[in-house]
Each structure stands twice: as structure tokens, then as C-alpha cells.
Protein backbone atom coordinates (compact mmCIF):
# COMPACT_ATOMS: atom_id res chain seq x y z
CA MET A 1 83.64 158.10 69.80
CA ASN A 2 86.10 160.81 68.77
CA MET A 3 89.07 158.96 67.27
CA THR A 4 91.07 162.22 67.19
CA HIS A 5 91.02 162.45 70.99
CA PRO A 6 94.61 162.71 72.32
CA ILE A 7 94.37 159.43 74.29
CA TYR A 8 94.00 157.63 70.94
CA THR A 9 96.72 159.52 69.09
CA ASN A 10 99.36 160.36 71.71
CA ALA A 11 101.15 157.72 73.82
CA ASP A 12 101.86 160.15 76.67
CA LYS A 13 98.20 161.22 76.89
CA ALA A 14 97.16 157.57 76.82
CA ARG A 15 99.59 156.83 79.67
CA GLU A 16 98.23 159.74 81.71
CA HIS A 17 94.69 158.48 81.08
CA LEU A 18 95.63 154.98 82.28
CA GLU A 19 97.38 156.43 85.34
CA SER A 20 94.27 158.41 86.27
CA LEU A 21 92.19 155.22 86.08
CA ARG A 22 94.60 152.88 87.89
CA TRP A 23 95.95 155.41 90.39
CA PRO A 24 93.20 157.95 91.17
CA ASN A 25 94.96 158.82 94.45
CA GLY A 26 98.53 158.78 93.15
CA PRO A 27 101.04 156.11 92.06
CA VAL A 28 101.02 152.71 93.72
CA CYS A 29 104.11 150.48 93.53
CA ALA A 30 103.44 147.52 91.24
CA HIS A 31 105.89 145.40 93.23
CA CYS A 32 105.18 146.02 96.93
CA SER A 33 101.95 148.12 96.78
CA CYS A 34 103.67 151.00 98.56
CA VAL A 35 101.85 154.37 98.46
CA GLY A 36 103.49 157.72 99.10
CA ARG A 37 107.21 156.93 99.11
CA ILE A 38 107.41 157.02 95.34
CA SER A 39 109.53 159.24 93.10
CA LYS A 40 108.93 160.04 89.46
CA MET A 41 112.09 159.63 87.37
CA GLN A 42 112.99 162.82 85.52
CA GLY A 43 116.32 162.03 83.84
CA LYS A 44 116.84 162.72 80.14
CA SER A 45 117.67 159.07 79.48
CA THR A 46 114.56 157.83 81.31
CA ARG A 47 111.45 157.14 79.30
CA PRO A 48 108.31 159.02 80.40
CA GLY A 49 106.10 157.50 83.06
CA VAL A 50 108.75 155.61 85.06
CA TYR A 51 108.55 155.70 88.85
CA LYS A 52 110.83 154.42 91.63
CA CYS A 53 109.56 152.97 94.88
CA ASN A 54 111.71 154.14 97.79
CA ASP A 55 110.62 151.17 99.89
CA CYS A 56 111.48 148.20 97.66
CA ARG A 57 113.89 150.28 95.46
CA LYS A 58 112.32 148.95 92.26
CA PHE A 59 111.24 150.80 89.13
CA PHE A 60 107.79 150.51 87.60
CA SER A 61 105.31 152.17 85.26
CA VAL A 62 101.53 152.10 84.95
CA THR A 63 101.67 149.12 82.57
CA VAL A 64 103.59 146.84 84.96
CA GLY A 65 101.35 144.03 86.19
CA THR A 66 98.79 144.52 83.41
CA VAL A 67 98.11 142.88 80.04
CA PHE A 68 99.99 145.80 78.47
CA GLU A 69 103.28 145.04 80.24
CA ARG A 70 106.39 144.79 78.03
CA SER A 71 104.37 145.49 74.90
CA LYS A 72 106.17 147.27 72.06
CA ILE A 73 102.83 148.61 70.80
CA ALA A 74 102.25 152.29 71.61
CA LEU A 75 99.91 152.69 74.57
CA ASN A 76 97.54 154.94 72.63
CA LEU A 77 96.94 152.05 70.18
CA TRP A 78 96.13 149.81 73.14
CA VAL A 79 93.61 152.35 74.43
CA LEU A 80 92.08 152.69 70.96
CA ALA A 81 91.84 148.92 70.46
CA THR A 82 90.22 148.58 73.88
CA HIS A 83 87.58 151.17 73.02
CA LEU A 84 86.86 149.57 69.64
CA MET A 85 86.31 146.14 71.21
CA ALA A 86 84.24 147.61 74.04
CA ALA A 87 82.00 149.57 71.68
CA SER A 88 81.45 146.88 69.01
CA LYS A 89 78.33 144.99 70.06
CA LYS A 90 79.13 141.92 67.98
CA GLY A 91 82.91 142.10 68.29
CA MET A 92 85.87 143.40 66.31
CA SER A 93 87.87 140.96 64.22
CA ALA A 94 91.67 140.85 64.36
CA HIS A 95 91.73 141.66 60.64
CA GLN A 96 89.70 144.82 61.27
CA LEU A 97 91.99 145.83 64.15
CA HIS A 98 95.02 145.12 61.96
CA ARG A 99 93.69 147.49 59.28
CA MET A 100 92.57 150.25 61.65
CA LEU A 101 95.64 150.26 63.93
CA GLY A 102 98.26 149.75 61.24
CA VAL A 103 99.80 146.73 62.99
CA THR A 104 100.32 143.20 61.67
CA TYR A 105 97.50 140.67 61.82
CA LYS A 106 99.46 138.54 64.30
CA THR A 107 99.92 141.54 66.58
CA ALA A 108 96.24 142.52 66.32
CA TRP A 109 95.18 138.93 67.11
CA PHE A 110 97.35 138.87 70.24
CA MET A 111 96.16 142.33 71.32
CA ALA A 112 92.54 141.22 71.02
CA HIS A 113 93.15 138.16 73.19
CA ARG A 114 94.89 140.22 75.86
CA ILE A 115 91.97 142.65 75.91
CA ARG A 116 89.60 139.67 76.26
CA GLU A 117 91.71 138.53 79.22
CA ALA A 118 90.96 141.90 80.85
CA MET A 119 87.26 141.32 80.11
CA ARG A 120 87.25 138.02 82.01
CA ASN A 121 84.75 137.95 84.84
CA ASP A 122 86.06 136.73 88.21
CA ASP A 123 82.88 137.55 90.13
CA THR A 124 81.70 134.48 92.06
CA THR A 125 78.44 136.01 93.36
CA PRO A 126 75.77 133.32 92.84
CA PHE A 127 72.95 134.02 90.41
CA GLY A 128 69.42 134.30 91.78
CA GLY A 129 70.66 135.16 95.28
CA ASN A 130 67.53 137.22 95.95
CA GLY A 131 65.22 134.33 95.06
CA GLY A 132 64.80 135.56 91.49
CA VAL A 133 64.56 133.70 88.20
CA VAL A 134 67.66 132.34 86.50
CA GLU A 135 67.33 131.16 82.90
CA VAL A 136 69.57 128.26 81.89
CA ASP A 137 70.19 126.99 78.37
CA GLU A 138 72.90 125.65 76.10
CA THR A 139 73.93 126.44 72.55
CA PHE A 140 76.29 125.01 69.96
CA ILE A 141 79.00 126.66 67.92
CA GLY A 142 81.69 125.56 65.48
CA ARG A 143 83.06 122.04 65.67
CA GLU A 144 84.85 119.94 68.28
CA PRO A 145 88.53 119.29 67.45
CA ARG A 146 88.90 116.24 65.19
CA ALA A 147 85.17 115.48 65.48
CA GLU A 148 83.46 113.73 62.59
CA VAL A 149 80.57 115.79 61.21
CA ARG A 150 77.26 114.06 61.85
CA ARG A 151 73.62 114.98 62.10
CA GLY A 152 72.64 116.70 65.32
CA PHE A 153 74.98 118.53 67.67
CA GLN A 154 77.43 115.93 68.96
CA HIS A 155 80.24 117.20 66.71
CA LYS A 156 79.75 120.83 67.78
CA MET A 157 81.35 122.75 70.66
CA LYS A 158 78.93 123.15 73.54
CA VAL A 159 78.29 126.28 75.63
CA LEU A 160 76.25 126.48 78.83
CA SER A 161 74.91 129.91 79.80
CA LEU A 162 73.00 131.44 82.71
CA VAL A 163 71.09 134.72 82.79
CA ASP A 164 69.85 136.27 86.03
CA ARG A 165 66.58 137.91 85.09
CA ASP A 166 66.69 140.36 88.04
CA THR A 167 70.29 141.59 87.86
CA LYS A 168 70.42 141.12 84.06
CA ARG A 169 73.81 139.39 84.32
CA ALA A 170 75.00 136.56 82.11
CA LYS A 171 77.64 133.89 82.58
CA SER A 172 78.87 131.32 80.06
CA MET A 173 81.26 128.40 80.08
CA VAL A 174 82.47 125.76 77.64
CA VAL A 175 81.36 122.22 78.53
CA ASP A 176 82.43 118.88 77.08
CA ASP A 177 78.96 117.30 77.09
CA LEU A 178 75.36 117.99 78.12
CA LYS A 179 74.87 115.18 80.59
CA GLY A 180 73.11 115.99 83.83
CA SER A 181 76.15 114.70 85.75
CA THR A 182 78.22 117.41 84.00
CA LEU A 183 75.81 120.35 84.07
CA VAL A 184 74.08 120.06 87.46
CA PRO A 185 77.30 120.49 89.54
CA ILE A 186 78.09 123.63 87.49
CA LEU A 187 74.61 125.00 88.20
CA ARG A 188 74.93 124.25 91.93
CA GLU A 189 78.22 126.14 92.01
CA ASN A 190 76.93 129.23 90.20
CA ILE A 191 73.27 129.54 91.27
CA ALA A 192 71.90 130.20 94.75
CA LYS A 193 69.63 127.55 96.26
CA GLU A 194 66.79 130.06 96.69
CA ALA A 195 66.67 130.76 92.94
CA VAL A 196 63.93 129.58 90.58
CA ILE A 197 65.27 127.98 87.39
CA HIS A 198 63.65 128.30 83.97
CA THR A 199 64.82 125.96 81.18
CA ASP A 200 63.53 124.14 78.14
CA GLU A 201 62.34 120.53 78.37
CA ALA A 202 65.82 118.95 77.96
CA GLY A 203 66.19 115.78 80.03
CA GLN A 204 69.33 116.91 81.88
CA TYR A 205 67.27 119.57 83.68
CA THR A 206 64.46 117.23 84.84
CA HIS A 207 65.36 117.10 88.53
CA LEU A 208 66.60 120.65 89.14
CA GLY A 209 63.73 121.21 91.56
CA ARG A 210 65.65 119.09 94.09
CA ASP A 211 68.56 121.56 94.21
CA PHE A 212 66.79 124.91 93.92
CA ALA A 213 63.67 126.66 95.18
CA GLY A 214 61.81 125.88 92.00
CA HIS A 215 62.11 124.73 88.42
CA ASP A 216 59.77 125.30 85.51
CA PHE A 217 60.26 124.80 81.79
CA VAL A 218 58.77 125.44 78.37
CA ARG A 219 58.29 122.78 75.70
CA HIS A 220 60.01 124.07 72.59
CA SER A 221 59.30 120.80 70.79
CA ALA A 222 55.57 121.60 71.15
CA ARG A 223 56.16 125.19 69.91
CA GLU A 224 55.68 126.58 73.40
CA TYR A 225 58.01 129.55 73.91
CA GLY A 226 56.37 131.26 76.85
CA ARG A 227 53.76 130.55 79.50
CA GLY A 228 53.24 133.70 81.52
CA GLU A 229 56.54 134.45 83.29
CA VAL A 230 57.94 131.02 82.39
CA HIS A 231 60.24 131.34 79.37
CA THR A 232 63.86 131.33 78.22
CA ASN A 233 63.50 134.28 75.86
CA THR A 234 66.06 136.42 77.73
CA ILE A 235 68.84 133.89 77.31
CA GLU A 236 67.80 133.22 73.70
CA GLY A 237 68.29 136.95 73.05
CA TYR A 238 71.75 136.72 74.60
CA PHE A 239 72.58 133.76 72.36
CA SER A 240 71.41 135.66 69.27
CA ILE A 241 74.03 138.39 69.81
CA PHE A 242 76.73 135.80 70.54
CA LYS A 243 75.92 133.75 67.43
CA ARG A 244 75.80 136.79 65.14
CA GLY A 245 79.18 137.90 66.39
CA MET A 246 80.82 134.48 66.17
CA LYS A 247 79.42 133.69 62.71
CA GLY A 248 79.43 137.16 61.19
CA ILE A 249 82.56 138.74 62.68
CA TYR A 250 84.90 136.01 63.92
CA GLN A 251 83.69 133.16 61.67
CA HIS A 252 86.18 130.60 63.02
CA CYS A 253 87.16 129.79 66.60
CA GLY A 254 89.18 126.92 68.07
CA LYS A 255 87.94 125.29 71.27
CA LYS A 256 91.07 126.33 73.20
CA HIS A 257 90.14 130.01 72.64
CA LEU A 258 86.34 129.76 72.89
CA HIS A 259 86.27 130.68 76.60
CA ARG A 260 87.94 134.03 75.76
CA TYR A 261 85.27 134.91 73.20
CA LEU A 262 82.59 133.94 75.72
CA ALA A 263 84.21 136.33 78.22
CA GLU A 264 84.09 139.12 75.64
CA PHE A 265 80.38 138.77 74.87
CA GLU A 266 79.57 138.23 78.54
CA PHE A 267 81.43 141.43 79.51
CA ARG A 268 79.62 143.60 76.98
CA TYR A 269 76.25 142.12 77.97
CA ASN A 270 76.87 142.69 81.68
CA HIS A 271 77.98 146.28 81.05
CA ARG A 272 75.53 147.30 78.33
CA THR A 273 73.48 150.45 77.84
CA ALA A 274 70.57 148.91 79.79
CA HIS A 275 72.83 149.18 82.85
CA ASN A 276 73.54 152.85 82.01
CA VAL A 277 77.08 152.03 80.88
CA THR A 278 78.38 154.04 77.93
CA ASP A 279 81.02 152.88 75.45
CA ALA A 280 83.65 155.07 77.14
CA MET A 281 82.75 153.75 80.60
CA ARG A 282 82.92 150.17 79.30
CA ALA A 283 86.38 150.78 77.82
CA ASN A 284 87.60 152.33 81.08
CA LEU A 285 86.35 149.30 83.02
CA ILE A 286 88.51 147.09 80.78
CA LEU A 287 91.57 149.30 81.28
CA VAL A 288 91.16 149.08 85.06
CA ALA A 289 90.51 145.31 84.96
CA ALA A 290 93.74 144.83 82.97
CA GLU A 291 95.62 145.08 86.29
CA GLY A 292 96.92 141.82 87.70
CA ARG A 293 96.46 139.89 84.46
CA ARG A 294 99.22 138.75 82.16
CA LEU A 295 98.84 136.74 79.00
CA THR A 296 101.93 135.72 77.03
CA TYR A 297 101.83 134.64 73.41
CA ARG A 298 103.08 131.16 74.32
């Protein structure tokens, strides 16, 4: 990463970069989606990058309808922050962003959450759609709000994750408990019926063979971590990156924000180097995905 590149130091260059990503074929009205009948405003009193749609008669810029809309932060700082979060395998804390960007901690914290909103995955394609293996497991992080600390995991926040071994995609969600009545409907919604499920020996997964093409498991309690192709090592590797980031970089996370951090780690995993995605490509994907997503501080 070259931090002296103009898109990181000059707001106009950053705007032009965002325009080239959002509008590769020319400006598109953010209000009525008109293409073609658009004029660029050239007046001395008009800020750069403002356009007028001659159909709906409204003004707009490239940030309208994105997580960057109405932000007082220079667009080049947004582009820089996006690249930093895209390129940091285990995350980038708000304190680190605050120091590197020269903004307040509160501003950096809000910027990071808006970038995570752009990382959110809306793809509903079921896992294991080609009859492949989907690994399913849960992990624990932090502490449930107002929960009394006890032995075991009941007081911890609970995360359910899936990894498609063929497409190398991951998906995670926060769950309130680990009962079969809670988890199985989630698995039915996100995994194709023709998939084969690999889990550990947890009781909530006992009858998954009824809903999917197959189900096999390893007995971690008996120190069995792999039996030929039957294992959950892929998802354990995913959890290791997530845990190192949450404990080493972010350290504390409230339950109401946990789904945003899950989206961040999921995005980087699904667009990692193994998929031939570079840091710059990953950052550009976030900038494009910022369209149609707003997140206010309230």
C-alpha cells in the first residue's frame, strides 16, 4: 500500500476514484436512477463533484445513498480508512484509526462501523448447493449483557458459523442459545438440502441427517480431530483469526455490535488472497458495496 497515493491524500482524487468505481459508464442519478440526462455543476459557488439530474431536477454527488453521505470527514480519509480495514487481517481498532487519520476517537469509531456496514454480506445463496461439505460449529466470545460469570459458556455471547469447503465461503451470526430448536432452522435456511454437514459431537447436531444429504462428526472429547475427510478444521481456522482479532485488536465488544464485527471478519475471509483478491481489490469492493447503505450514529 502506498499511503502517498493521491486518493489517500487528496479529496478530489478520492472522489474521482469513487466515481470511477460507482459509475464506470458515467453518472447515475442517486434519486431516480436516470442515466444520460445529467449535468455537472460548474459554478464557482458549487462544491466539486455535484451533478444535477434533468429528469427529477435534483442535485446529487457520488456519496449520496452511501455510508459516506453527509459526512464532514474528507473523502480521502474515508478511502484510506477503508483500505486500512480491508488490508488488516485481524482488524483495525478505532484507536489506531484515530491516531493514523488525525480524527477524534468517536469519529474513528463511527467511521469503522459504517465501513463494516458496507462489508455486510447480503448474499442468500445457500451453502453446499453443489452437494459439497459444509462445516458447522459455534464459538464463544465476551460476555452476555448483565450475565453472571459462571463456569462453562452460558454467560458468554454465542456465535454460529458455517464454512462451505468447496466455495471457501464463511457465514456467521449471533445466536441467543445453542439449542437444536434454535440452530436447526438457521441451518435449514442457509444450507442446501443436498449438502453434507460436518460438525463436532454436540447434541444439537444429532439429527441433521434428516434435513440434509448427510451428516458426519468428529469426537473432540475423545481427542479425535479428523477422520479422513471428516473434520471441522477449516472452520476452526476461521475461528482462530476471528478470536485473535477480537481479543488482540478490539478487546471489548457489546452484543449489540457483535454482528458488525462478524460481518467484517466474514468479508475479509470471503475475499482473501486464496480467492486471488488483493488488498486494493478488497478495498474497492467495500467502496462499491457502500452504495444503498446508510448508518446513522443514533
